Protein backbone atom coordinates (compact mmCIF):
# COMPACT_ATOMS: atom_id res chain seq x y z
CA MET A 1 65.78 124.19 121.92
CA SER A 2 66.98 123.90 118.33
CA ASP A 3 64.83 124.04 115.23
CA ASP A 4 65.28 120.30 114.63
CA ASP A 5 63.97 119.48 118.10
CA SER A 6 60.94 121.72 117.68
CA SER A 7 60.11 120.26 114.29
CA SER A 8 60.46 116.70 115.56
CA SER A 9 58.19 117.42 118.55
CA GLU A 10 55.60 118.98 116.30
CA ASP A 11 55.50 115.81 114.20
CA LEU A 12 54.61 113.71 117.31
CA PRO A 13 50.94 113.13 118.21
CA LEU A 14 49.49 114.84 121.28
CA SER A 15 48.94 111.52 123.06
CA ALA A 16 52.66 110.58 122.67
CA LEU A 17 53.76 113.96 124.04
CA ALA A 18 51.47 113.59 127.06
CA LYS A 19 52.81 110.10 127.88
CA SER A 20 56.46 111.21 127.65
CA LYS A 21 55.84 114.14 129.98
CA LYS A 22 54.09 111.89 132.47
CA GLU A 23 56.99 109.41 132.51
CA GLU A 24 59.52 112.20 133.12
CA SER A 25 57.51 113.54 136.07
CA GLU A 26 57.20 110.04 137.65
CA SER A 27 60.96 109.36 137.36
CA SER A 28 61.78 112.71 138.99
CA ASP A 29 59.35 111.98 141.88
CA GLU A 30 60.93 108.57 142.52
CA ALA A 31 64.43 110.08 142.61
CA GLU A 32 63.37 112.66 145.18
CA PHE A 33 61.65 109.99 147.28
CA GLU A 34 64.78 107.83 147.38
CA GLU A 35 66.94 110.78 148.48
CA GLU A 36 64.51 111.65 151.28
CA TYR A 37 64.37 108.01 152.36
CA GLU A 38 68.14 107.78 152.57
CA ASP A 39 68.27 110.96 154.68
CA GLU A 40 65.67 109.54 157.03
CA ASP A 41 67.65 106.29 157.47
CA GLU A 42 70.72 108.23 158.43
CA GLY A 43 68.73 110.30 160.93
CA GLU A 44 67.22 107.21 162.53
CA GLY A 45 70.68 105.63 162.98
CA GLU A 46 71.85 108.68 164.85
CA ARG A 47 68.73 108.64 167.03
CA GLU A 48 69.26 104.98 167.90
CA ASP A 49 72.77 105.78 169.04
CA GLY A 50 71.54 108.71 171.15
CA GLU A 51 68.25 107.35 172.49
CA VAL A 52 67.79 103.65 172.92
CA GLY A 53 64.31 102.19 173.26
CA GLU A 54 62.47 105.17 171.67
CA GLU A 55 61.11 104.45 168.24
CA PRO A 56 60.37 107.46 166.23
CA GLU A 57 56.85 107.77 164.87
CA PRO A 58 56.70 107.76 161.13
CA ASP A 59 55.81 111.12 159.55
CA SER A 60 52.79 110.92 157.34
CA SER A 61 54.23 113.62 155.10
CA ASP A 62 57.22 111.38 154.24
CA PHE A 63 55.07 108.78 152.55
CA ILE A 64 52.88 109.04 149.46
CA ASP A 65 49.47 107.51 149.71
CA ASP A 66 48.55 105.04 147.01
CA ASP A 67 45.15 106.63 146.75
CA ASP A 68 46.78 109.99 146.02
CA VAL A 69 48.90 108.40 143.33
CA GLU A 70 45.84 106.81 141.80
CA ASP A 71 44.03 110.18 141.96
CA ASP A 72 46.95 111.86 140.27
CA ASP A 73 46.95 109.19 137.63
CA GLU A 74 43.24 109.65 137.09
CA ASP A 75 43.64 113.43 136.88
CA GLY A 76 46.57 113.20 134.52
CA ASP A 77 45.09 110.59 132.26
CA TYR A 78 42.54 111.73 129.69
CA ASP A 79 40.76 110.02 126.96
CA SER A 80 42.65 110.20 123.73
CA ASP A 81 40.55 110.88 120.69
CA SER A 82 41.33 111.09 117.01
CA SER A 83 42.66 114.66 117.35
CA ASP A 84 45.37 113.57 119.91
CA ASP A 85 46.89 111.16 117.41
CA VAL A 86 47.25 113.88 114.76
CA PRO A 87 50.64 115.66 114.53
CA LEU A 88 50.80 119.37 115.29
CA THR A 89 51.92 120.18 111.74
CA ALA A 90 48.79 118.52 110.41
CA LEU A 91 46.64 120.57 112.78
CA LYS A 92 48.33 123.79 111.64
CA SER A 93 47.78 122.96 107.98
CA LYS A 94 44.06 122.43 108.50
CA LYS A 95 41.80 125.16 107.17
CA THR A 96 38.20 125.99 107.94
CA PRO A 97 36.40 126.82 104.64
CA PRO A 98 33.36 124.59 105.16
CA LYS A 99 31.37 127.56 106.49
CA ALA A 100 31.96 129.46 103.28
CA LYS A 101 30.87 126.42 101.31
CA GLU A 102 27.73 126.20 103.40
CA VAL A 103 27.02 129.88 102.73
CA LYS A 104 27.55 129.37 99.00
CA SER A 105 25.31 126.33 98.98
CA ALA A 106 22.66 128.29 100.89
CA LYS A 107 22.88 131.10 98.34
CA LYS A 108 22.58 128.63 95.47
CA SER A 109 19.53 127.05 97.05
CA SER A 110 17.93 130.47 97.58
CA THR A 111 18.57 131.44 93.95
CA LYS A 112 17.12 128.17 92.78
CA LYS A 113 14.02 128.75 94.87
CA ALA A 114 13.62 132.29 93.50
CA ALA A 115 13.80 131.08 89.88
CA PRO A 116 10.08 130.16 89.51
CA LYS A 117 9.16 133.85 89.92
CA LYS A 118 10.62 134.53 86.47
CA LYS A 119 8.26 132.00 84.98
CA ALA A 120 5.31 133.79 86.51
CA SER A 121 6.44 137.13 85.12
CA SER A 122 7.02 135.61 81.67
CA SER A 123 3.55 134.07 81.73
CA ALA A 124 2.14 137.46 82.68
CA LYS A 125 3.96 139.03 79.75
CA LYS A 126 2.50 136.44 77.41
CA LYS A 127 -1.01 137.28 78.58
CA LYS A 128 -0.64 140.99 77.79
CA PRO A 129 -0.82 140.71 73.95
CA THR A 130 -4.24 139.07 74.23
CA THR A 131 -5.64 142.18 75.92
CA THR A 132 -4.03 144.49 73.36
CA LYS A 133 -5.47 142.45 70.53
CA SER A 134 -8.97 142.74 71.92
CA ALA A 135 -8.52 146.49 72.41
CA SER A 136 -7.22 146.98 68.86
CA SER A 137 -10.08 144.93 67.40
CA THR A 138 -12.69 147.10 69.13
CA SER A 139 -10.96 150.34 68.09
CA ASN A 140 -10.71 149.22 64.45
CA TYR A 141 -13.93 151.03 63.47
CA LEU A 142 -14.88 151.25 59.79
CA CYS A 143 -16.55 154.35 58.38
CA ALA A 144 -17.27 155.64 54.88
CA SER A 145 -15.09 158.74 55.17
CA GLY A 146 -12.11 156.74 56.42
CA GLU A 147 -12.33 154.42 53.40
CA LEU A 148 -13.11 156.98 50.67
CA TYR A 149 -10.47 159.60 51.56
CA PRO A 150 -7.34 157.51 50.90
CA GLN A 151 -8.66 155.01 48.31
CA CYS A 152 -10.53 156.91 45.59
CA ASP A 153 -10.59 160.25 43.76
CA LYS A 154 -14.07 161.17 44.97
CA GLY A 155 -12.84 160.94 48.52
CA LYS A 156 -9.99 163.34 47.66
CA LEU A 157 -12.50 165.76 46.10
CA ILE A 158 -14.62 165.75 49.26
CA GLN A 159 -11.61 166.17 51.56
CA SER A 160 -10.17 169.06 49.51
CA LEU A 161 -13.53 170.83 49.41
CA LEU A 162 -14.09 170.56 53.17
CA ALA A 163 -10.78 172.41 53.68
CA ARG A 164 -11.90 175.55 51.70
CA TRP A 165 -15.68 175.42 51.18
CA TRP A 166 -16.23 179.04 52.45
CA TYR A 167 -14.47 180.30 49.29
CA ALA A 168 -17.19 178.64 47.17
CA TYR A 169 -20.47 179.48 48.89
CA GLU A 170 -21.91 180.97 52.07
CA TRP A 171 -23.52 178.93 54.75
CA PRO A 172 -25.86 179.38 56.42
CA ASP A 173 -27.69 181.29 53.73
CA PRO A 174 -28.76 184.70 55.11
CA LYS A 175 -32.19 184.09 53.55
CA ASP A 176 -32.71 181.10 55.87
CA ILE A 177 -31.94 183.07 59.05
CA PRO A 178 -34.82 184.97 60.72
CA ASP A 179 -34.47 188.75 60.99
CA TYR A 180 -35.31 188.79 64.70
CA THR A 181 -33.87 187.15 67.80
CA PRO A 182 -36.25 184.80 69.62
CA ARG A 183 -37.56 186.05 72.96
CA GLY A 184 -35.48 184.95 75.96
CA TYR A 185 -32.45 184.16 73.70
CA ASP A 186 -29.29 185.98 72.71
CA ALA A 187 -27.50 185.64 69.36
CA LEU A 188 -24.23 183.72 69.49
CA ASP A 189 -21.41 185.75 67.93
CA GLY A 190 -19.66 184.06 65.00
CA PHE A 191 -22.48 181.58 64.46
CA PRO A 192 -25.32 183.19 62.48
CA GLY A 193 -28.65 181.49 63.16
CA VAL A 194 -27.50 180.06 66.53
CA TYR A 195 -28.93 181.43 69.83
CA ILE A 196 -28.49 180.75 73.53
CA CYS A 197 -31.27 180.84 76.09
CA THR A 198 -30.83 183.37 78.91
CA GLN A 199 -34.28 183.26 80.56
CA GLY A 200 -36.80 180.70 81.70
CA SER A 201 -36.34 176.99 82.32
CA ASN A 202 -34.05 176.42 79.30
CA VAL A 203 -31.23 178.71 80.43
CA GLY A 204 -27.93 177.71 78.83
CA LYS A 205 -29.45 175.69 76.01
CA PHE A 206 -28.85 176.43 72.31
CA LEU A 207 -31.35 177.09 69.52
CA ASP A 208 -30.04 176.31 65.99
CA ASN A 209 -32.10 177.70 63.08
CA ARG A 210 -29.59 176.88 60.33
CA ASP A 211 -30.49 174.61 57.40
CA HIS A 212 -28.26 171.55 57.91
CA SER A 213 -29.35 169.95 54.65
CA LYS A 214 -27.07 172.47 52.92
CA SER A 215 -24.25 172.42 55.50
CA PRO A 216 -20.66 171.73 54.32
CA SER A 217 -20.36 168.22 55.78
CA PHE A 218 -19.13 164.87 54.54
CA LYS A 219 -22.67 163.53 54.58
CA ASN A 220 -23.96 166.21 52.19
CA PHE A 221 -20.89 166.25 49.91
CA ALA A 222 -20.81 162.44 49.56
CA LYS A 223 -24.39 162.52 48.21
CA LYS A 224 -23.31 164.76 45.35
CA ASP A 225 -21.70 163.31 42.23
CA SER A 226 -18.05 163.93 41.39
CA GLU A 227 -18.85 166.41 38.59
CA GLU A 228 -20.67 168.79 40.94
CA LEU A 229 -17.97 168.43 43.58
CA LYS A 230 -15.33 169.24 40.93
CA GLU A 231 -17.07 172.49 39.94
CA ILE A 232 -17.41 173.63 43.55
CA LEU A 233 -13.76 172.77 44.29
CA LEU A 234 -12.42 174.68 41.27
CA LYS A 235 -14.49 177.70 42.29
CA ALA A 236 -13.06 177.54 45.84
CA ILE A 237 -9.46 177.22 44.54
CA ASP A 238 -9.81 180.30 42.32
CA ALA A 239 -11.18 182.43 45.19
CA GLN A 240 -8.51 181.21 47.61
CA MET A 241 -5.69 181.91 45.14
CA LYS A 242 -6.87 185.50 44.58
CA ASP A 243 -7.07 186.09 48.32
CA LEU A 244 -3.59 184.61 48.78
CA ILE A 245 -1.96 186.77 46.10
CA GLU A 246 -3.61 189.85 47.56
CA HIS A 247 -2.13 189.24 51.03
CA GLU A 248 1.16 187.42 50.35
CA GLY A 249 1.96 188.02 46.68
CA GLU A 250 2.98 185.67 43.89
CA GLY A 251 5.24 182.61 44.14
CA THR A 252 4.40 181.29 47.62
CA GLU A 253 4.50 177.61 48.47
CA THR A 254 0.77 177.66 49.19
CA GLN A 255 0.10 179.03 45.70
CA LYS A 256 2.15 176.21 44.15
CA GLY A 257 0.11 173.64 46.08
CA LEU A 258 -3.17 175.22 44.95
CA ARG A 259 -2.09 175.18 41.30
CA ALA A 260 -1.15 171.50 41.54
CA LEU A 261 -4.55 170.69 43.08
CA GLN A 262 -6.29 172.76 40.37
CA LYS A 263 -4.54 170.82 37.56
CA TRP A 264 -5.47 167.49 39.17
CA ALA A 265 -9.17 168.46 39.48
CA MET A 266 -9.35 169.71 35.89
CA LYS A 267 -8.02 166.38 34.51
CA LEU A 268 -10.23 164.21 36.77
CA ASN A 269 -12.55 161.66 35.13
CA CYS A 270 -15.65 162.20 37.26
CA SER A 271 -17.66 159.15 36.08
CA LYS A 272 -14.72 156.86 36.85
CA ALA A 273 -14.31 158.48 40.28
CA ASP A 274 -17.97 157.73 41.11
CA ARG A 275 -17.57 154.05 40.15
CA GLU A 276 -14.44 153.68 42.25
CA ALA A 277 -16.22 155.16 45.27
CA GLN A 278 -19.07 152.66 44.95
CA LYS A 279 -16.61 149.74 44.73
CA VAL A 280 -14.78 150.87 47.86
CA LEU A 281 -17.97 151.13 49.90
CA LYS A 282 -19.27 147.80 48.60
CA ALA A 283 -16.03 145.96 49.43
CA LYS A 284 -16.29 147.14 53.05
CA ARG A 285 -20.06 146.67 53.15
CA LEU A 286 -20.56 150.33 53.95
CA SER A 287 -23.25 152.77 52.90
CA LEU A 288 -23.44 156.55 52.92
CA PRO A 289 -25.28 158.05 55.89
């Protein structure tokens, strides 16, 4: 079969091809039947010449039953639908992407359904700052030392003296410490006047005989005026500088810092420093302990 014949047959609908094939088969059956019938007529003529009076019985196989023909027609015929009327070339050109589209649409619908989760997370993020604000407000504690240190000269005097007070005076005063160790207690090394109980029902507890009214603390230094604090600080700086030169020599960075602090303290207006400290505490509604 040539290419033109194949292309033309492909352009025909399925129903047309089925009808043409059926017609060809029927015409071929009729031709065969006629040939057989002619042969039978010739045979009967010869029999009549040979045997007179005997009629041959017809052979059932030589005839085709109408019911069989109808059955064949019923078996051969089939209901033609819309796909039978479509040419073969059109069937070949058809593609099947609808499944992919359905998958894509399903994915889009799933992504759309998952979108509200982002809103929940964003709302949760918005709620977090409220908790941090409450935590920061509770931790924003005001105290006298925290306000005086960075905002006034008296606060700087107190802070500088707390860093080197042992160069200015001795505490606790040896005169305030008893000469004996209390019974059932042992002296605590490095802490004169402090004892620890080793016997009885108070084992492990401390006994402190030091005079805390003279202790180097913010509470005691803040009660003093700036002039007294200045004298104590200058005394501590002198003693620290001598100790530094003895161990490390002249020209160290620590010595330069001590000299700068010494010059600042010597030029300080003590009465003005006291007024500034009172203003700072009053603005924050704070009082010394």
